[in-house]
Protein backbone atom coordinates (compact mmCIF):
# COMPACT_ATOMS: atom_id res chain seq x y z
CA MET A 1 33.24 37.16 -16.69
CA ALA A 2 35.78 35.11 -15.21
CA PHE A 3 35.67 32.63 -12.01
CA THR A 4 38.28 31.58 -9.66
CA LEU A 5 37.70 28.28 -7.71
CA LYS A 6 40.34 27.38 -5.06
CA LYS A 7 40.93 24.17 -2.82
CA GLY A 8 44.30 23.54 -0.56
CA ALA A 9 47.05 24.34 -3.19
CA VAL A 10 44.96 24.05 -6.15
CA SER A 11 43.97 27.39 -7.89
CA LEU A 12 41.69 27.66 -10.76
CA ARG A 13 40.72 30.30 -13.14
CA ILE A 14 38.03 29.75 -15.68
CA GLU A 15 36.82 31.90 -18.30
CA GLY A 16 32.88 32.09 -19.60
CA PRO A 17 31.85 31.51 -23.20
CA GLY A 18 33.15 34.82 -25.18
CA GLU A 19 34.88 36.18 -22.96
CA ARG A 20 38.35 36.47 -24.49
CA TYR A 21 38.55 33.59 -27.14
CA ARG A 22 35.80 34.19 -30.21
CA ALA A 23 37.27 32.38 -32.94
CA CYS A 24 35.38 29.23 -34.62
CA ARG A 25 37.68 26.52 -33.57
CA PHE A 26 38.16 25.81 -29.77
CA ASP A 27 35.28 25.01 -27.34
CA ARG A 28 34.20 28.06 -25.68
CA ASN A 29 31.77 26.17 -22.83
CA GLY A 30 33.90 27.13 -20.11
CA THR A 31 38.08 27.39 -20.33
CA VAL A 32 40.85 26.95 -17.51
CA VAL A 33 43.09 29.32 -18.61
CA SER A 34 45.19 29.64 -14.89
CA ALA A 35 45.88 26.34 -13.02
CA ARG A 36 47.99 26.96 -10.00
CA PHE A 37 49.40 24.71 -7.60
CA ARG A 38 51.42 25.93 -4.45
CA GLY A 39 51.68 29.05 -6.34
CA VAL A 40 53.34 27.97 -9.39
CA GLU A 41 51.51 28.69 -12.29
CA PHE A 42 51.31 25.73 -14.90
CA LEU A 43 49.62 26.86 -17.74
CA GLY A 44 50.49 28.79 -20.93
CA ASP A 45 49.63 30.50 -24.40
CA GLU A 46 49.72 29.05 -27.87
CA ARG A 47 51.80 31.84 -29.05
CA PRO A 48 53.92 33.86 -27.03
CA PHE A 49 51.63 36.77 -24.79
CA PRO A 50 51.33 39.66 -26.46
CA LEU A 51 51.84 38.57 -29.93
CA GLY A 52 49.10 36.07 -29.96
CA ASN A 53 45.48 37.47 -30.11
CA ARG A 54 43.57 35.85 -27.15
CA ALA A 55 40.46 36.33 -29.07
CA ARG A 56 41.89 33.87 -31.75
CA PHE A 57 44.72 31.64 -30.33
CA GLY A 58 44.23 28.92 -27.81
CA ARG A 59 45.23 29.22 -24.03
CA GLY A 60 45.47 26.93 -21.01
CA LEU A 61 43.36 23.82 -21.49
CA HIS A 62 41.53 24.54 -24.75
CA ASN A 63 39.41 21.49 -25.86
CA GLU A 64 38.32 21.36 -29.62
CA PHE A 65 35.75 18.81 -31.02
CA GLY A 66 35.68 17.66 -34.75
CA ILE A 67 39.58 18.80 -35.60
CA LYS A 68 39.77 15.34 -37.93
CA THR A 69 36.15 14.46 -38.39
CA CYS A 70 34.14 17.44 -38.31
CA ILE A 71 30.19 16.73 -37.73
CA GLY A 72 27.80 17.39 -41.24
CA TYR A 73 30.89 18.95 -43.40
CA ASP A 74 30.71 16.49 -45.96
CA GLN A 75 26.90 15.98 -45.86
CA CYS A 76 25.83 19.47 -46.27
CA ALA A 77 25.81 21.71 -49.13
CA VAL A 78 27.90 25.07 -50.00
CA GLY A 79 26.53 27.94 -47.84
CA ASP A 80 24.50 25.62 -45.20
CA TRP A 81 25.08 25.19 -41.64
CA PHE A 82 26.83 22.62 -39.57
CA PRO A 83 27.25 21.83 -36.07
CA LYS A 84 30.87 22.64 -34.04
CA ILE A 85 30.28 21.58 -30.79
CA GLY A 86 31.19 24.10 -27.97
CA VAL A 87 31.18 26.55 -30.85
CA GLY A 88 28.30 27.42 -32.86
CA TRP A 89 26.54 26.57 -36.31
CA LEU A 90 29.49 27.25 -39.01
CA LYS A 91 28.87 27.82 -42.96
CA LYS A 92 30.02 25.82 -45.29
CA THR A 93 32.64 26.89 -48.24
CA ALA A 94 33.40 25.35 -51.20
CA GLU A 95 37.02 24.30 -49.53
CA PRO A 96 37.59 21.40 -47.49
CA TYR A 97 36.95 21.77 -43.69
CA ARG A 98 39.96 23.46 -41.94
CA PHE A 99 40.24 23.54 -38.16
CA PHE A 100 42.16 26.43 -38.68
CA GLY A 101 39.95 28.18 -40.88
CA GLU A 102 37.85 31.46 -40.49
CA TYR A 103 34.04 30.39 -40.97
CA GLU A 104 31.01 32.78 -40.78
CA MET A 105 29.23 31.40 -37.44
CA GLU A 106 26.14 31.89 -35.62
CA PRO A 107 27.10 31.18 -31.61
CA LEU A 108 25.35 28.85 -29.67
CA SER A 109 22.77 29.56 -26.68
CA PHE A 110 25.03 29.38 -23.46
CA GLY A 111 23.46 28.93 -20.26
CA GLU A 112 24.38 30.95 -16.78
CA PRO A 113 27.35 28.89 -15.54
CA GLU A 114 26.62 27.60 -12.04
CA VAL A 115 28.74 27.47 -9.13
CA GLY A 116 28.78 25.30 -6.06
CA ASP A 117 31.21 24.29 -3.33
CA GLY A 118 34.75 24.01 -5.41
CA ARG A 119 32.87 23.25 -8.80
CA ILE A 120 31.49 25.33 -11.62
CA SER A 121 29.40 23.83 -14.50
CA PHE A 122 28.74 25.36 -18.03
CA THR A 123 26.16 24.31 -20.59
CA CYS A 124 24.89 24.87 -24.18
CA ALA A 125 22.07 24.14 -26.38
CA SER A 126 22.53 24.17 -30.34
CA GLY A 127 19.01 24.01 -31.24
CA ALA A 128 18.06 21.83 -34.20
CA ARG A 129 19.45 22.38 -38.01
CA ASN A 130 19.72 19.78 -40.79
CA GLY A 131 18.97 16.89 -38.11
CA TRP A 132 21.62 17.78 -36.05
CA GLY A 133 21.19 18.82 -32.46
CA TYR A 134 22.74 18.67 -29.15
CA GLU A 135 23.11 20.07 -25.24
CA TYR A 136 26.28 19.76 -24.26
CA SER A 137 27.90 20.63 -20.40
CA LYS A 138 31.00 20.99 -18.66
CA GLU A 139 31.74 20.45 -14.81
CA ILE A 140 34.91 21.28 -13.62
CA ALA A 141 35.44 20.21 -10.05
CA LEU A 142 38.31 20.82 -7.39
CA GLU A 143 40.30 17.79 -5.39
CA ASP A 144 42.77 18.22 -3.23
CA ASP A 145 45.63 17.42 -5.68
CA GLY A 146 44.02 18.51 -8.50
CA PHE A 147 40.68 18.92 -10.72
CA THR A 148 38.53 16.53 -12.64
CA VAL A 149 36.64 18.15 -15.93
CA ARG A 150 33.59 15.70 -16.95
CA TYR A 151 31.68 16.23 -20.00
CA THR A 152 28.50 15.19 -21.02
CA LEU A 153 26.84 15.41 -24.60
CA GLU A 154 23.22 14.67 -25.27
CA ASN A 155 22.03 14.17 -28.51
CA THR A 156 18.93 15.80 -29.48
CA GLY A 157 18.65 15.52 -33.28
CA GLU A 158 17.85 13.00 -35.32
CA LYS A 159 21.42 12.29 -36.92
CA ALA A 160 24.23 10.69 -35.10
CA LEU A 161 26.80 12.86 -33.50
CA ALA A 162 30.27 10.96 -34.79
CA THR A 163 33.46 12.93 -33.95
CA GLU A 164 36.28 13.43 -31.44
CA GLU A 165 37.32 15.58 -28.57
CA TYR A 166 40.57 16.58 -27.20
CA VAL A 167 42.87 18.75 -24.97
CA HIS A 168 45.25 21.24 -26.36
CA ASN A 169 46.77 21.18 -23.33
CA PHE A 170 48.88 24.52 -23.35
CA LEU A 171 51.87 23.30 -20.42
CA ARG A 172 54.33 25.79 -19.38
CA ILE A 173 55.50 24.95 -15.24
CA GLY A 174 56.29 28.22 -13.47
CA GLY A 175 57.18 30.32 -16.70
CA ALA A 176 60.11 27.62 -17.40
CA ARG A 177 60.86 27.55 -21.58
CA LEU A 178 61.08 24.02 -22.33
CA GLY A 179 64.32 22.23 -22.32
CA PRO A 180 66.32 19.57 -20.94
CA ARG A 181 64.39 20.52 -17.24
CA TYR A 182 61.42 18.72 -18.61
CA ARG A 183 60.19 15.17 -19.08
CA LEU A 184 57.18 13.98 -20.61
CA SER A 185 56.25 10.32 -19.31
CA LEU A 186 53.86 7.68 -21.35
CA PRO A 187 52.48 4.15 -20.09
CA TRP A 188 53.38 2.60 -22.99
CA CYS A 189 57.02 3.26 -25.38
CA PRO A 190 55.98 4.73 -28.38
CA ASP A 191 57.06 3.44 -31.80
CA ARG A 192 58.77 6.06 -33.94
CA SER A 193 58.86 4.15 -37.09
CA ARG A 194 55.00 4.05 -36.79
CA PHE A 195 54.35 7.86 -36.01
CA ASP A 196 52.27 9.61 -38.69
CA GLU A 197 54.68 12.50 -38.42
CA PHE A 198 57.89 13.82 -36.53
CA VAL A 199 58.48 17.29 -37.10
CA ASP A 200 61.95 18.37 -34.96
CA PRO A 201 63.82 21.06 -37.01
CA GLU A 202 66.38 21.60 -34.13
CA GLY A 203 66.93 17.76 -33.17
CA ALA A 204 65.96 18.85 -29.76
CA LEU A 205 63.77 15.81 -29.21
CA ASN A 206 65.00 12.68 -27.05
CA LEU A 207 62.47 9.57 -27.35
CA PHE A 208 64.04 7.07 -24.70
CA GLY A 209 61.08 4.33 -24.00
CA ASP A 210 58.35 5.63 -22.91
CA GLU A 211 59.74 9.09 -22.29
CA ILE A 212 60.30 12.28 -23.94
CA GLY A 213 62.74 14.77 -23.27
CA PHE A 214 64.52 17.62 -24.90
CA ASN A 215 68.71 17.60 -25.98
CA GLY A 216 68.60 21.67 -25.34
CA PRO A 217 66.75 24.72 -25.36
CA VAL A 218 63.80 24.74 -27.86
CA ARG A 219 63.09 27.59 -30.32
CA ARG A 220 61.17 26.21 -33.28
CA VAL A 221 57.49 24.13 -33.38
CA PHE A 222 57.93 20.57 -33.10
CA PHE A 223 55.52 17.59 -33.61
CA LEU A 224 54.74 13.92 -33.07
CA GLY A 225 51.75 12.33 -34.63
CA GLY A 226 50.18 9.23 -33.94
CA LEU A 227 51.83 8.18 -30.73
CA THR A 228 49.30 5.50 -30.08
CA ASN A 229 49.96 3.77 -33.41
CA GLY A 230 50.67 0.20 -33.17
CA ILE A 231 50.01 0.06 -29.74
CA ARG A 232 46.99 -2.00 -27.47
CA GLU A 233 46.28 -2.16 -23.75
CA GLU A 234 48.46 -4.91 -23.52
CA ASN A 235 50.99 -2.54 -24.63
CA GLY A 236 50.22 0.16 -21.98
CA LEU A 237 47.91 1.90 -24.14
CA ALA A 238 45.78 4.37 -21.52
CA ALA A 239 44.52 7.93 -21.64
CA ARG A 240 47.46 8.82 -19.41
CA TRP A 241 50.61 11.12 -19.30
CA LYS A 242 52.80 13.14 -17.01
CA LEU A 243 54.98 16.05 -17.67
CA THR A 244 57.98 16.70 -14.97
CA ASP A 245 59.74 20.01 -14.27
CA GLU A 246 62.90 17.92 -13.02
CA ARG A 247 64.54 21.21 -11.51
CA ARG A 248 61.62 22.37 -9.78
CA ALA A 249 60.60 18.63 -8.74
CA LEU A 250 56.84 19.29 -9.85
CA SER A 251 54.62 17.47 -12.37
CA VAL A 252 50.86 17.80 -13.97
CA SER A 253 49.24 14.65 -15.16
CA GLU A 254 46.33 13.91 -16.88
CA THR A 255 44.06 10.81 -16.95
CA GLY A 256 41.02 10.28 -19.11
CA SER A 257 38.05 7.77 -18.23
CA PHE A 258 38.34 6.33 -21.90
CA LEU A 259 41.12 4.32 -24.54
CA PRO A 260 42.39 6.98 -26.58
CA SER A 261 41.85 7.17 -30.22
CA GLY A 262 45.15 9.07 -30.62
CA MET A 263 47.73 11.27 -28.99
CA ASN A 264 49.79 13.83 -30.94
CA ILE A 265 52.77 15.94 -28.74
CA TRP A 266 52.95 19.91 -30.13
CA GLY A 267 54.80 22.59 -28.84
CA HIS A 268 57.51 25.17 -29.31
CA GLY A 269 59.91 26.70 -26.70
CA GLY A 270 56.96 28.40 -25.03
CA VAL A 271 54.77 25.32 -24.20
CA ILE A 272 54.31 21.71 -24.81
CA SER A 273 50.84 20.30 -25.99
CA PRO A 274 50.31 16.64 -25.38
CA GLU A 275 47.06 15.89 -26.76
CA VAL A 276 45.03 12.43 -26.13
CA PHE A 277 41.73 12.08 -28.31
CA TYR A 278 38.72 10.51 -27.68
CA SER A 279 36.33 9.23 -30.72
CA PHE A 280 32.79 8.59 -30.27
CA SER A 281 29.56 8.39 -31.51
CA VAL A 282 26.17 9.38 -30.09
CA GLU A 283 22.79 8.33 -31.67
CA ALA A 284 19.79 10.49 -31.55
CA GLY A 285 18.44 10.43 -27.98
CA ASN A 286 21.28 9.15 -26.31
CA ILE A 287 23.73 10.93 -23.71
CA LEU A 288 27.75 10.19 -23.76
CA SER A 289 29.61 11.18 -20.62
CA TRP A 290 33.52 11.05 -20.31
CA GLU A 291 36.31 12.27 -17.86
CA ARG A 292 39.55 13.99 -17.76
CA ARG A 293 41.41 14.32 -14.34
CA TYR A 294 44.62 16.57 -13.97
CA GLY A 295 46.91 15.66 -11.06
CA PHE A 296 49.85 17.71 -9.35
CA GLU A 297 52.78 16.47 -7.65
CA ALA A 298 55.38 17.91 -6.08
CA GLY A 299 58.78 16.47 -4.85
CA LYS A 300 58.21 13.12 -7.05
CA GLY A 301 59.31 12.11 -10.36
CA ARG A 302 57.22 9.76 -11.34
């Protein structure tokens, strides 16, 4: 069942666990698949619809745990089960873990969503296996010019939950394809010489100071990996970005309550996805909370 939240100029559509997405990569614990501000849609699909299978590929604001540090995979035996937060228990194969791989899965136990005034909460519980266990909740709360996603993770097992979380923000303002009309702003100046990867087959990307723009229309996949490499707080490091469509004079931004452990940018002609990573470790019996706030602006640049 999908849920709609509205407040002022902001409207969200949120899908419940397993409504569309049923693969074993992205978090199922409540997914924002549509975000409208003043009637303009800001989100898109990982693959162009209808070419992309929405049961398998990401949409909207689809977060994931453990794309780099998969909990328990290296510790358990082949054929045993390891936890994928927000997804379920996955069965280990003889191959190294691949975030895009297909694994035999036992889904989580998801609670009934709680809907309040301009907010909704989703919960799930893993039970206990091989010393791992957790309870995980996600609350989405509307504000006058945006919304906040609050995550809470409780370690109910015996072993630490050490991993990372990020959001694959699939952004596309008003359906406009990527090109010179878009500009992505950061609070620091990325050093390209320190990137892990720089994939730009069309030469479409334009890096200038703390901004990333486009020289022309984008058709092929691009990727910038490791934008925080060599950056510290005194250099402006923060969990923040802003995407502006200068033709429409509309922008969307994300601000996290944490210091980022990394940042990548992925995209193609249809969407751009700034990915801000949060690495953490929750010891047995402890609870960790963090937030990501999304804000909308009209008629402004920065």
